[in-house]
N, C-alpha and C. Protein backbone atom coordinates (compact mmCIF):
# COMPACT_ATOMS: atom_id res chain seq x y z
N MET A 1 -217.76 -86.60 -43.65
CA MET A 1 -216.59 -86.18 -44.38
C MET A 1 -216.79 -84.76 -44.91
N ARG A 2 -217.97 -84.47 -45.45
CA ARG A 2 -218.24 -83.12 -45.96
C ARG A 2 -218.15 -82.09 -44.85
N THR A 3 -218.63 -82.43 -43.66
CA THR A 3 -218.58 -81.51 -42.52
C THR A 3 -217.13 -81.19 -42.15
N ILE A 4 -216.27 -82.21 -42.16
CA ILE A 4 -214.86 -82.00 -41.84
C ILE A 4 -214.21 -81.10 -42.88
N LEU A 5 -214.47 -81.35 -44.16
CA LEU A 5 -213.90 -80.52 -45.22
C LEU A 5 -214.40 -79.08 -45.14
N LEU A 6 -215.70 -78.90 -44.85
CA LEU A 6 -216.25 -77.55 -44.71
C LEU A 6 -215.62 -76.82 -43.54
N ALA A 7 -215.47 -77.51 -42.41
CA ALA A 7 -214.85 -76.89 -41.23
C ALA A 7 -213.40 -76.51 -41.52
N ALA A 8 -212.65 -77.38 -42.19
CA ALA A 8 -211.26 -77.07 -42.53
C ALA A 8 -211.18 -75.88 -43.47
N THR A 9 -212.09 -75.81 -44.44
CA THR A 9 -212.12 -74.69 -45.37
C THR A 9 -212.43 -73.39 -44.65
N LEU A 10 -213.42 -73.39 -43.77
CA LEU A 10 -213.77 -72.18 -43.03
C LEU A 10 -212.64 -71.72 -42.13
N LEU A 11 -211.89 -72.66 -41.56
CA LEU A 11 -210.75 -72.30 -40.73
C LEU A 11 -209.63 -71.67 -41.56
N CYS A 12 -209.52 -72.08 -42.82
CA CYS A 12 -208.44 -71.60 -43.67
C CYS A 12 -208.75 -70.26 -44.34
N VAL A 13 -210.02 -69.84 -44.41
CA VAL A 13 -210.38 -68.59 -45.07
C VAL A 13 -209.65 -67.39 -44.49
N PRO A 14 -209.58 -67.21 -43.15
CA PRO A 14 -208.82 -66.07 -42.63
C PRO A 14 -207.35 -66.12 -43.05
N ALA A 15 -206.77 -67.29 -43.12
CA ALA A 15 -205.38 -67.40 -43.52
C ALA A 15 -205.20 -66.98 -44.97
N LEU A 16 -206.14 -67.36 -45.82
CA LEU A 16 -206.05 -66.98 -47.23
C LEU A 16 -206.17 -65.48 -47.38
N HIS A 17 -207.08 -64.88 -46.63
CA HIS A 17 -207.29 -63.44 -46.72
C HIS A 17 -206.05 -62.69 -46.20
N ALA A 18 -205.39 -63.22 -45.20
CA ALA A 18 -204.22 -62.56 -44.61
C ALA A 18 -202.93 -62.89 -45.38
N GLN A 19 -203.03 -63.57 -46.50
CA GLN A 19 -201.88 -63.97 -47.31
C GLN A 19 -200.87 -64.74 -46.47
N ALA A 20 -201.34 -65.69 -45.74
CA ALA A 20 -200.48 -66.48 -44.87
C ALA A 20 -200.44 -67.93 -45.32
N VAL A 21 -200.27 -68.12 -46.63
CA VAL A 21 -200.21 -69.47 -47.18
C VAL A 21 -198.79 -69.74 -47.63
N GLU A 22 -198.28 -70.91 -47.28
CA GLU A 22 -196.96 -71.35 -47.71
C GLU A 22 -197.12 -72.59 -48.57
N LEU A 23 -196.50 -72.61 -49.73
CA LEU A 23 -196.42 -73.80 -50.57
C LEU A 23 -194.97 -74.21 -50.63
N TYR A 24 -194.69 -75.50 -50.46
CA TYR A 24 -193.30 -75.92 -50.44
C TYR A 24 -193.09 -77.22 -51.19
N GLY A 25 -191.87 -77.37 -51.68
CA GLY A 25 -191.41 -78.58 -52.33
C GLY A 25 -190.11 -79.00 -51.67
N THR A 26 -189.93 -80.29 -51.47
CA THR A 26 -188.74 -80.77 -50.77
C THR A 26 -188.13 -81.99 -51.45
N VAL A 27 -186.87 -82.20 -51.14
CA VAL A 27 -186.19 -83.45 -51.43
C VAL A 27 -186.08 -84.12 -50.07
N SER A 28 -186.52 -85.36 -49.99
CA SER A 28 -186.64 -86.03 -48.70
C SER A 28 -185.86 -87.34 -48.73
N VAL A 29 -185.18 -87.64 -47.61
CA VAL A 29 -184.41 -88.87 -47.50
C VAL A 29 -184.84 -89.61 -46.24
N PRO A 30 -185.88 -90.46 -46.33
CA PRO A 30 -186.29 -91.23 -45.15
C PRO A 30 -185.52 -92.55 -44.99
N ARG A 31 -185.31 -92.93 -43.75
CA ARG A 31 -184.76 -94.24 -43.40
C ARG A 31 -185.89 -95.00 -42.73
N ILE A 32 -186.31 -96.12 -43.33
CA ILE A 32 -187.47 -96.87 -42.86
C ILE A 32 -187.00 -98.22 -42.33
N SER A 33 -187.54 -98.62 -41.18
CA SER A 33 -187.15 -99.90 -40.56
C SER A 33 -188.37 -100.72 -40.21
N GLY A 34 -188.24 -102.04 -40.30
CA GLY A 34 -189.30 -102.95 -39.90
C GLY A 34 -190.34 -103.21 -40.97
N ILE A 35 -190.01 -103.01 -42.24
CA ILE A 35 -190.97 -103.17 -43.33
C ILE A 35 -191.12 -104.64 -43.68
N PRO A 36 -192.36 -105.16 -43.71
CA PRO A 36 -192.56 -106.57 -44.11
C PRO A 36 -192.13 -106.78 -45.56
N THR A 37 -191.47 -107.90 -45.82
CA THR A 37 -191.00 -108.19 -47.17
C THR A 37 -191.94 -109.09 -47.95
N GLY A 38 -192.98 -109.61 -47.30
CA GLY A 38 -193.87 -110.55 -47.97
C GLY A 38 -193.38 -111.97 -47.85
N SER A 39 -192.24 -112.19 -47.19
CA SER A 39 -191.65 -113.52 -47.00
C SER A 39 -191.80 -113.93 -45.54
N GLY A 40 -193.00 -114.28 -45.14
CA GLY A 40 -193.23 -114.71 -43.77
C GLY A 40 -193.05 -113.56 -42.79
N THR A 41 -192.19 -113.77 -41.80
CA THR A 41 -192.00 -112.76 -40.76
C THR A 41 -190.78 -111.88 -41.02
N GLN A 42 -190.14 -112.01 -42.19
CA GLN A 42 -188.95 -111.22 -42.49
C GLN A 42 -189.31 -109.74 -42.67
N THR A 43 -188.41 -108.89 -42.20
CA THR A 43 -188.58 -107.45 -42.40
C THR A 43 -187.32 -106.88 -43.05
N SER A 44 -187.45 -105.67 -43.56
CA SER A 44 -186.35 -105.02 -44.25
C SER A 44 -186.21 -103.60 -43.74
N SER A 45 -185.05 -103.01 -43.94
CA SER A 45 -184.81 -101.60 -43.63
C SER A 45 -184.07 -101.01 -44.82
N TYR A 46 -184.39 -99.76 -45.18
CA TYR A 46 -183.70 -99.13 -46.29
C TYR A 46 -183.88 -97.61 -46.29
N TRP A 47 -183.00 -96.95 -47.03
CA TRP A 47 -183.12 -95.52 -47.31
C TRP A 47 -184.00 -95.40 -48.55
N ALA A 48 -184.88 -94.40 -48.59
CA ALA A 48 -185.81 -94.26 -49.72
C ALA A 48 -185.91 -92.80 -50.16
N PRO A 49 -184.85 -92.24 -50.79
CA PRO A 49 -184.91 -90.84 -51.21
C PRO A 49 -186.07 -90.60 -52.16
N GLY A 50 -186.74 -89.46 -52.01
CA GLY A 50 -187.88 -89.13 -52.85
C GLY A 50 -188.14 -87.63 -52.84
N ILE A 51 -189.31 -87.26 -53.32
CA ILE A 51 -189.70 -85.85 -53.36
C ILE A 51 -190.95 -85.67 -52.51
N GLY A 52 -191.16 -84.45 -52.06
CA GLY A 52 -192.33 -84.16 -51.24
C GLY A 52 -192.79 -82.73 -51.46
N GLY A 53 -193.86 -82.40 -50.79
CA GLY A 53 -194.38 -81.04 -50.89
C GLY A 53 -195.61 -80.89 -50.02
N GLY A 54 -196.11 -79.66 -49.97
CA GLY A 54 -197.30 -79.43 -49.18
C GLY A 54 -197.69 -77.98 -49.12
N ALA A 55 -198.65 -77.71 -48.26
CA ALA A 55 -199.16 -76.35 -48.06
C ALA A 55 -199.44 -76.16 -46.58
N THR A 56 -199.05 -74.98 -46.09
CA THR A 56 -199.34 -74.60 -44.71
C THR A 56 -200.25 -73.39 -44.73
N PHE A 57 -201.33 -73.45 -43.97
CA PHE A 57 -202.26 -72.34 -43.83
C PHE A 57 -202.08 -71.79 -42.42
N ASN A 58 -201.40 -70.64 -42.31
CA ASN A 58 -201.12 -70.03 -41.01
C ASN A 58 -202.39 -69.35 -40.52
N ILE A 59 -203.14 -70.04 -39.69
CA ILE A 59 -204.47 -69.62 -39.27
C ILE A 59 -204.42 -68.63 -38.11
N VAL A 60 -203.52 -68.84 -37.16
CA VAL A 60 -203.49 -67.99 -35.97
C VAL A 60 -202.12 -67.31 -35.85
N PRO A 61 -202.00 -66.08 -36.38
CA PRO A 61 -200.76 -65.34 -36.16
C PRO A 61 -200.88 -64.48 -34.90
N ILE A 62 -200.03 -64.75 -33.91
CA ILE A 62 -200.04 -63.98 -32.66
C ILE A 62 -198.61 -63.47 -32.45
N GLY A 63 -198.38 -62.20 -32.78
CA GLY A 63 -197.04 -61.65 -32.68
C GLY A 63 -196.08 -62.45 -33.53
N PRO A 64 -194.97 -62.94 -32.96
CA PRO A 64 -194.00 -63.71 -33.74
C PRO A 64 -194.38 -65.19 -33.90
N VAL A 65 -195.47 -65.62 -33.28
CA VAL A 65 -195.88 -67.03 -33.32
C VAL A 65 -196.93 -67.24 -34.41
N ARG A 66 -196.79 -68.33 -35.16
CA ARG A 66 -197.76 -68.70 -36.19
C ARG A 66 -198.21 -70.13 -35.92
N LEU A 67 -199.51 -70.33 -35.76
CA LEU A 67 -200.08 -71.66 -35.64
C LEU A 67 -200.80 -71.95 -36.93
N GLY A 68 -200.47 -73.07 -37.56
CA GLY A 68 -201.05 -73.37 -38.85
C GLY A 68 -201.46 -74.81 -39.03
N LEU A 69 -202.23 -75.02 -40.09
CA LEU A 69 -202.64 -76.35 -40.54
C LEU A 69 -201.72 -76.70 -41.70
N ASP A 70 -201.03 -77.83 -41.60
CA ASP A 70 -200.09 -78.25 -42.64
C ASP A 70 -200.60 -79.52 -43.30
N LEU A 71 -200.66 -79.51 -44.62
CA LEU A 71 -201.02 -80.68 -45.42
C LEU A 71 -199.79 -81.03 -46.24
N ARG A 72 -199.32 -82.26 -46.12
CA ARG A 72 -198.06 -82.62 -46.76
C ARG A 72 -198.11 -84.03 -47.33
N GLY A 73 -197.22 -84.29 -48.27
CA GLY A 73 -197.10 -85.61 -48.85
C GLY A 73 -195.72 -85.81 -49.44
N SER A 74 -195.36 -87.06 -49.65
CA SER A 74 -194.08 -87.38 -50.28
C SER A 74 -194.25 -88.69 -51.03
N THR A 75 -193.34 -88.95 -51.97
CA THR A 75 -193.45 -90.18 -52.73
C THR A 75 -192.11 -90.65 -53.25
N LYS A 76 -191.98 -91.93 -53.31
CA LYS A 76 -190.97 -92.65 -54.08
C LYS A 76 -191.66 -93.96 -54.44
N PRO A 77 -192.45 -93.94 -55.52
CA PRO A 77 -193.30 -95.08 -55.83
C PRO A 77 -192.58 -96.31 -56.36
N THR A 78 -191.29 -96.23 -56.63
CA THR A 78 -190.58 -97.38 -57.18
C THR A 78 -190.26 -98.38 -56.07
N ALA A 79 -189.54 -99.45 -56.43
CA ALA A 79 -189.16 -100.47 -55.45
C ALA A 79 -188.41 -99.81 -54.30
N ASN A 80 -188.64 -100.32 -53.09
CA ASN A 80 -188.03 -99.80 -51.87
C ASN A 80 -188.32 -98.31 -51.70
N GLY A 81 -189.60 -97.99 -51.60
CA GLY A 81 -190.01 -96.60 -51.43
C GLY A 81 -191.13 -96.45 -50.43
N ILE A 82 -191.44 -95.19 -50.12
CA ILE A 82 -192.53 -94.87 -49.21
C ILE A 82 -193.28 -93.68 -49.77
N SER A 83 -194.59 -93.70 -49.64
CA SER A 83 -195.45 -92.57 -50.01
C SER A 83 -196.24 -92.18 -48.76
N THR A 84 -196.42 -90.87 -48.56
CA THR A 84 -197.12 -90.39 -47.37
C THR A 84 -198.15 -89.33 -47.75
N VAL A 85 -199.21 -89.26 -46.99
CA VAL A 85 -200.18 -88.17 -47.03
C VAL A 85 -200.51 -87.88 -45.57
N LEU A 86 -200.08 -86.70 -45.09
CA LEU A 86 -200.21 -86.36 -43.68
C LEU A 86 -200.83 -84.97 -43.50
N ALA A 87 -201.50 -84.77 -42.39
CA ALA A 87 -202.04 -83.46 -42.01
C ALA A 87 -201.72 -83.24 -40.55
N GLY A 88 -201.42 -81.98 -40.21
CA GLY A 88 -201.08 -81.74 -38.81
C GLY A 88 -201.04 -80.28 -38.44
N ALA A 89 -200.72 -80.05 -37.18
CA ALA A 89 -200.61 -78.71 -36.64
C ALA A 89 -199.14 -78.31 -36.64
N LYS A 90 -198.87 -77.08 -37.11
CA LYS A 90 -197.51 -76.56 -37.20
C LYS A 90 -197.41 -75.28 -36.38
N LEU A 91 -196.39 -75.20 -35.54
CA LEU A 91 -196.14 -74.02 -34.72
C LEU A 91 -194.80 -73.44 -35.16
N ALA A 92 -194.84 -72.22 -35.73
CA ALA A 92 -193.62 -71.57 -36.22
C ALA A 92 -193.36 -70.30 -35.44
N LEU A 93 -192.10 -69.90 -35.42
CA LEU A 93 -191.69 -68.72 -34.69
C LEU A 93 -190.86 -67.82 -35.60
N LYS A 94 -191.26 -66.56 -35.73
CA LYS A 94 -190.50 -65.59 -36.51
C LYS A 94 -189.93 -64.58 -35.51
N ILE A 95 -188.66 -64.77 -35.18
CA ILE A 95 -188.00 -63.95 -34.18
C ILE A 95 -187.55 -62.64 -34.83
N PRO A 96 -187.99 -61.50 -34.29
CA PRO A 96 -187.57 -60.22 -34.87
C PRO A 96 -186.05 -60.06 -34.86
N GLY A 97 -185.50 -59.63 -35.99
CA GLY A 97 -184.06 -59.41 -36.10
C GLY A 97 -183.25 -60.65 -36.40
N VAL A 98 -183.88 -61.80 -36.48
CA VAL A 98 -183.19 -63.07 -36.77
C VAL A 98 -183.79 -63.65 -38.05
N SER A 99 -182.94 -64.06 -38.98
CA SER A 99 -183.47 -64.54 -40.26
C SER A 99 -184.00 -65.98 -40.19
N LEU A 100 -183.60 -66.78 -39.23
CA LEU A 100 -184.11 -68.16 -39.13
C LEU A 100 -185.53 -68.17 -38.58
N LYS A 101 -186.37 -69.03 -39.18
CA LYS A 101 -187.73 -69.23 -38.70
C LYS A 101 -187.88 -70.70 -38.30
N PRO A 102 -187.66 -71.02 -37.03
CA PRO A 102 -187.79 -72.41 -36.59
C PRO A 102 -189.27 -72.81 -36.45
N TYR A 103 -189.53 -74.11 -36.56
CA TYR A 103 -190.89 -74.62 -36.40
C TYR A 103 -190.87 -76.05 -35.90
N VAL A 104 -192.00 -76.46 -35.33
CA VAL A 104 -192.24 -77.84 -34.94
C VAL A 104 -193.62 -78.23 -35.47
N GLU A 105 -193.82 -79.52 -35.67
CA GLU A 105 -195.09 -80.00 -36.22
C GLU A 105 -195.37 -81.42 -35.75
N ALA A 106 -196.65 -81.72 -35.57
CA ALA A 106 -197.13 -83.07 -35.32
C ALA A 106 -198.16 -83.38 -36.39
N ALA A 107 -197.96 -84.45 -37.16
CA ALA A 107 -198.86 -84.78 -38.27
C ALA A 107 -199.21 -86.26 -38.24
N GLY A 108 -200.35 -86.58 -38.78
CA GLY A 108 -200.79 -87.97 -38.87
C GLY A 108 -201.48 -88.23 -40.19
N GLY A 109 -201.56 -89.49 -40.58
CA GLY A 109 -202.24 -89.83 -41.83
C GLY A 109 -201.86 -91.19 -42.37
N TYR A 110 -201.66 -91.25 -43.70
CA TYR A 110 -201.45 -92.48 -44.46
C TYR A 110 -199.98 -92.63 -44.83
N LEU A 111 -199.49 -93.87 -44.74
CA LEU A 111 -198.16 -94.24 -45.23
C LEU A 111 -198.31 -95.49 -46.08
N GLY A 112 -197.61 -95.56 -47.17
CA GLY A 112 -197.61 -96.77 -47.99
C GLY A 112 -196.19 -97.11 -48.38
N THR A 113 -195.80 -98.38 -48.23
CA THR A 113 -194.45 -98.80 -48.59
C THR A 113 -194.47 -99.79 -49.74
N ASN A 114 -193.41 -99.74 -50.52
CA ASN A 114 -193.14 -100.73 -51.58
C ASN A 114 -191.79 -101.33 -51.26
N THR A 115 -191.72 -102.65 -51.17
CA THR A 115 -190.47 -103.33 -50.87
C THR A 115 -190.15 -104.30 -52.00
N HIS A 116 -188.97 -104.17 -52.58
CA HIS A 116 -188.52 -105.05 -53.65
C HIS A 116 -188.39 -106.47 -53.12
N LEU A 117 -188.97 -107.42 -53.85
CA LEU A 117 -188.89 -108.83 -53.45
C LEU A 117 -187.79 -109.53 -54.25
N GLY A 118 -186.95 -110.24 -53.56
CA GLY A 118 -185.90 -111.01 -54.22
C GLY A 118 -186.39 -112.40 -54.56
N SER A 119 -185.49 -113.31 -54.74
CA SER A 119 -185.80 -114.68 -55.07
C SER A 119 -186.56 -115.30 -53.88
N PRO A 120 -187.53 -116.15 -54.07
CA PRO A 120 -187.94 -116.84 -55.28
C PRO A 120 -189.06 -116.12 -56.04
N PHE A 121 -189.31 -114.86 -55.76
CA PHE A 121 -190.39 -114.13 -56.42
C PHE A 121 -189.98 -113.71 -57.83
N ALA A 122 -190.97 -113.39 -58.64
CA ALA A 122 -190.73 -112.95 -60.02
C ALA A 122 -189.88 -111.68 -60.02
N PRO A 123 -188.96 -111.53 -60.96
CA PRO A 123 -188.12 -110.34 -61.03
C PRO A 123 -188.98 -109.06 -61.10
N GLY A 124 -188.61 -108.05 -60.33
CA GLY A 124 -189.33 -106.79 -60.32
C GLY A 124 -190.55 -106.76 -59.42
N SER A 125 -190.81 -107.86 -58.69
CA SER A 125 -191.97 -107.92 -57.80
C SER A 125 -191.76 -107.02 -56.59
N THR A 126 -192.86 -106.41 -56.11
CA THR A 126 -192.79 -105.61 -54.90
C THR A 126 -193.92 -106.03 -53.95
N HIS A 127 -193.65 -105.84 -52.66
CA HIS A 127 -194.64 -106.09 -51.63
C HIS A 127 -195.12 -104.72 -51.15
N LYS A 128 -196.44 -104.49 -51.20
CA LYS A 128 -197.01 -103.20 -50.80
C LYS A 128 -197.74 -103.36 -49.47
N THR A 129 -197.51 -102.40 -48.56
CA THR A 129 -198.17 -102.41 -47.27
C THR A 129 -198.63 -100.99 -46.97
N THR A 130 -199.85 -100.86 -46.40
CA THR A 130 -200.36 -99.54 -46.02
C THR A 130 -200.42 -99.43 -44.50
N TYR A 131 -200.25 -98.21 -44.02
CA TYR A 131 -200.19 -97.94 -42.59
C TYR A 131 -200.94 -96.67 -42.25
N ALA A 132 -201.43 -96.61 -41.04
CA ALA A 132 -201.85 -95.35 -40.43
C ALA A 132 -200.67 -94.95 -39.58
N GLY A 133 -200.30 -93.68 -39.60
CA GLY A 133 -199.10 -93.32 -38.87
C GLY A 133 -199.04 -91.86 -38.47
N TYR A 134 -197.94 -91.53 -37.82
CA TYR A 134 -197.71 -90.15 -37.39
C TYR A 134 -196.25 -89.81 -37.60
N GLU A 135 -195.97 -88.50 -37.64
CA GLU A 135 -194.60 -88.01 -37.72
C GLU A 135 -194.48 -86.74 -36.91
N LEU A 136 -193.42 -86.62 -36.13
CA LEU A 136 -193.09 -85.41 -35.40
C LEU A 136 -191.91 -84.77 -36.12
N LEU A 137 -192.03 -83.46 -36.42
CA LEU A 137 -191.04 -82.78 -37.24
C LEU A 137 -190.54 -81.51 -36.59
N ALA A 138 -189.33 -81.12 -36.93
CA ALA A 138 -188.76 -79.84 -36.52
C ALA A 138 -187.86 -79.37 -37.65
N GLY A 139 -187.84 -78.06 -37.88
CA GLY A 139 -187.03 -77.54 -38.96
C GLY A 139 -186.82 -76.05 -38.84
N ALA A 140 -186.15 -75.50 -39.84
CA ALA A 140 -185.90 -74.07 -39.89
C ALA A 140 -185.85 -73.60 -41.33
N ASP A 141 -186.50 -72.46 -41.59
CA ASP A 141 -186.49 -71.80 -42.89
C ASP A 141 -185.71 -70.50 -42.76
N THR A 142 -185.14 -70.03 -43.87
CA THR A 142 -184.50 -68.73 -43.90
C THR A 142 -184.85 -68.04 -45.22
N PRO A 143 -185.11 -66.73 -45.20
CA PRO A 143 -185.49 -66.03 -46.42
C PRO A 143 -184.31 -65.93 -47.40
N ILE A 144 -184.62 -66.11 -48.70
CA ILE A 144 -183.61 -65.90 -49.74
C ILE A 144 -184.11 -64.89 -50.79
N ALA A 145 -185.39 -64.55 -50.75
CA ALA A 145 -186.01 -63.54 -51.62
C ALA A 145 -187.29 -63.09 -50.92
N PRO A 146 -187.93 -61.99 -51.38
CA PRO A 146 -189.11 -61.49 -50.67
C PRO A 146 -190.22 -62.52 -50.43
N LEU A 147 -190.52 -63.37 -51.38
CA LEU A 147 -191.59 -64.37 -51.21
C LEU A 147 -191.06 -65.80 -51.21
N LEU A 148 -189.75 -65.96 -51.00
CA LEU A 148 -189.14 -67.28 -51.12
C LEU A 148 -188.20 -67.55 -49.94
N ASN A 149 -188.39 -68.70 -49.30
CA ASN A 149 -187.51 -69.15 -48.22
C ASN A 149 -186.82 -70.44 -48.62
N LEU A 150 -185.68 -70.68 -48.02
CA LEU A 150 -184.99 -71.95 -48.14
C LEU A 150 -185.29 -72.75 -46.89
N ARG A 151 -185.83 -73.94 -47.07
CA ARG A 151 -186.00 -74.85 -45.93
C ARG A 151 -184.63 -75.50 -45.73
N ILE A 152 -183.90 -74.96 -44.77
CA ILE A 152 -182.52 -75.40 -44.55
C ILE A 152 -182.48 -76.88 -44.24
N LEU A 153 -183.22 -77.27 -43.23
CA LEU A 153 -183.27 -78.67 -42.83
C LEU A 153 -184.55 -78.92 -42.06
N GLU A 154 -185.16 -80.05 -42.35
CA GLU A 154 -186.31 -80.52 -41.60
C GLU A 154 -185.99 -81.95 -41.18
N VAL A 155 -186.18 -82.24 -39.90
CA VAL A 155 -185.92 -83.57 -39.36
C VAL A 155 -187.24 -84.11 -38.83
N GLY A 156 -187.54 -85.34 -39.17
CA GLY A 156 -188.78 -85.96 -38.70
C GLY A 156 -188.56 -87.38 -38.24
N ALA A 157 -189.41 -87.83 -37.34
CA ALA A 157 -189.38 -89.21 -36.88
C ALA A 157 -190.82 -89.65 -36.66
N GLY A 158 -191.11 -90.89 -37.01
CA GLY A 158 -192.49 -91.34 -36.85
C GLY A 158 -192.62 -92.84 -36.82
N LYS A 159 -193.87 -93.26 -36.78
CA LYS A 159 -194.21 -94.67 -36.68
C LYS A 159 -195.43 -94.93 -37.54
N GLY A 160 -195.50 -96.10 -38.13
CA GLY A 160 -196.66 -96.52 -38.90
C GLY A 160 -197.20 -97.83 -38.37
N TYR A 161 -198.53 -97.93 -38.33
CA TYR A 161 -199.21 -99.12 -37.84
C TYR A 161 -200.01 -99.71 -39.00
N GLN A 162 -199.79 -100.98 -39.28
CA GLN A 162 -200.40 -101.61 -40.45
C GLN A 162 -201.90 -101.40 -40.47
N ALA A 163 -202.40 -100.90 -41.62
CA ALA A 163 -203.81 -100.60 -41.77
C ALA A 163 -204.55 -101.65 -42.58
N SER A 164 -203.83 -102.53 -43.27
CA SER A 164 -204.49 -103.57 -44.06
C SER A 164 -203.57 -104.77 -44.20
N GLY A 165 -204.16 -105.87 -44.61
CA GLY A 165 -203.38 -107.07 -44.84
C GLY A 165 -203.40 -108.01 -43.65
N PRO A 166 -202.87 -109.22 -43.85
CA PRO A 166 -202.86 -110.20 -42.78
C PRO A 166 -201.84 -109.85 -41.70
N GLY A 167 -202.11 -110.26 -40.48
CA GLY A 167 -201.17 -110.01 -39.39
C GLY A 167 -201.12 -108.53 -39.07
N SER A 168 -200.11 -108.16 -38.35
CA SER A 168 -199.93 -106.75 -38.06
C SER A 168 -198.45 -106.45 -38.00
N SER A 169 -198.09 -105.24 -38.36
CA SER A 169 -196.70 -104.84 -38.29
C SER A 169 -196.62 -103.36 -37.96
N THR A 170 -195.47 -102.97 -37.49
CA THR A 170 -195.21 -101.57 -37.17
C THR A 170 -193.89 -101.19 -37.81
N ILE A 171 -193.85 -100.04 -38.46
CA ILE A 171 -192.59 -99.55 -39.01
C ILE A 171 -192.20 -98.27 -38.27
N THR A 172 -190.93 -97.97 -38.28
CA THR A 172 -190.44 -96.71 -37.77
C THR A 172 -189.68 -96.03 -38.90
N PHE A 173 -189.66 -94.70 -38.89
CA PHE A 173 -188.92 -94.00 -39.92
C PHE A 173 -188.35 -92.70 -39.38
N PHE A 174 -187.27 -92.30 -40.01
CA PHE A 174 -186.55 -91.08 -39.69
C PHE A 174 -186.33 -90.36 -41.01
N THR A 175 -186.62 -89.05 -41.08
CA THR A 175 -186.58 -88.33 -42.35
C THR A 175 -185.73 -87.07 -42.24
N LEU A 176 -184.93 -86.81 -43.27
CA LEU A 176 -184.22 -85.56 -43.45
C LEU A 176 -184.71 -84.93 -44.75
N SER A 177 -185.07 -83.64 -44.72
CA SER A 177 -185.59 -82.97 -45.92
C SER A 177 -185.02 -81.57 -46.04
N SER A 178 -185.03 -81.06 -47.27
CA SER A 178 -184.65 -79.69 -47.55
C SER A 178 -185.41 -79.27 -48.80
N GLY A 179 -185.67 -77.95 -48.94
CA GLY A 179 -186.40 -77.53 -50.12
C GLY A 179 -186.65 -76.03 -50.16
N LEU A 180 -187.64 -75.64 -50.96
CA LEU A 180 -188.01 -74.24 -51.14
C LEU A 180 -189.43 -74.01 -50.65
N VAL A 181 -189.66 -72.83 -50.04
CA VAL A 181 -190.97 -72.47 -49.50
C VAL A 181 -191.40 -71.14 -50.13
N PHE A 182 -192.57 -71.11 -50.76
CA PHE A 182 -193.12 -69.89 -51.35
C PHE A 182 -194.22 -69.36 -50.43
N HIS A 183 -194.19 -68.05 -50.14
CA HIS A 183 -195.17 -67.41 -49.27
C HIS A 183 -196.13 -66.55 -50.09
N PHE A 184 -197.42 -66.64 -49.79
CA PHE A 184 -198.42 -65.83 -50.48
C PHE A 184 -199.25 -65.07 -49.47
């Protein structure tokens, strides 16, 4: 684990020196399907609006192309919610003369769901499930100030595979996000 962290840090040093770090905060609206409810084989589907954020380290800038390491997370810890911690590769394009900066990303990591349990369970009970998963994302940013961009829209889709608990389950999710991106 220490070797992985050291390697990731060394890869990010050139990005830090080149001031190619992006910090962002988002409002996220995921639609999750196939979530176990804790009642036998029953599953649930729901919308789970929450907040998210992350950091992108643009490690390889080649002309208008930026290849970066993205670390991201989101949360809605209350009933019927999802929390994520993902890391992935992000490929962005800054087209000269065009204000939109489109990007694509592939990320993987941890997903955790909370599902509100109805009767006959105790009021306020939730069923928690953890997953290993991935998400494929695409979006576009546009500048609104010298060091500030608006993340117009980010669309993501992914899958989670149960990482703990009895049996096995798979969830699918679709996410829409928007937010602010700070460049350093």
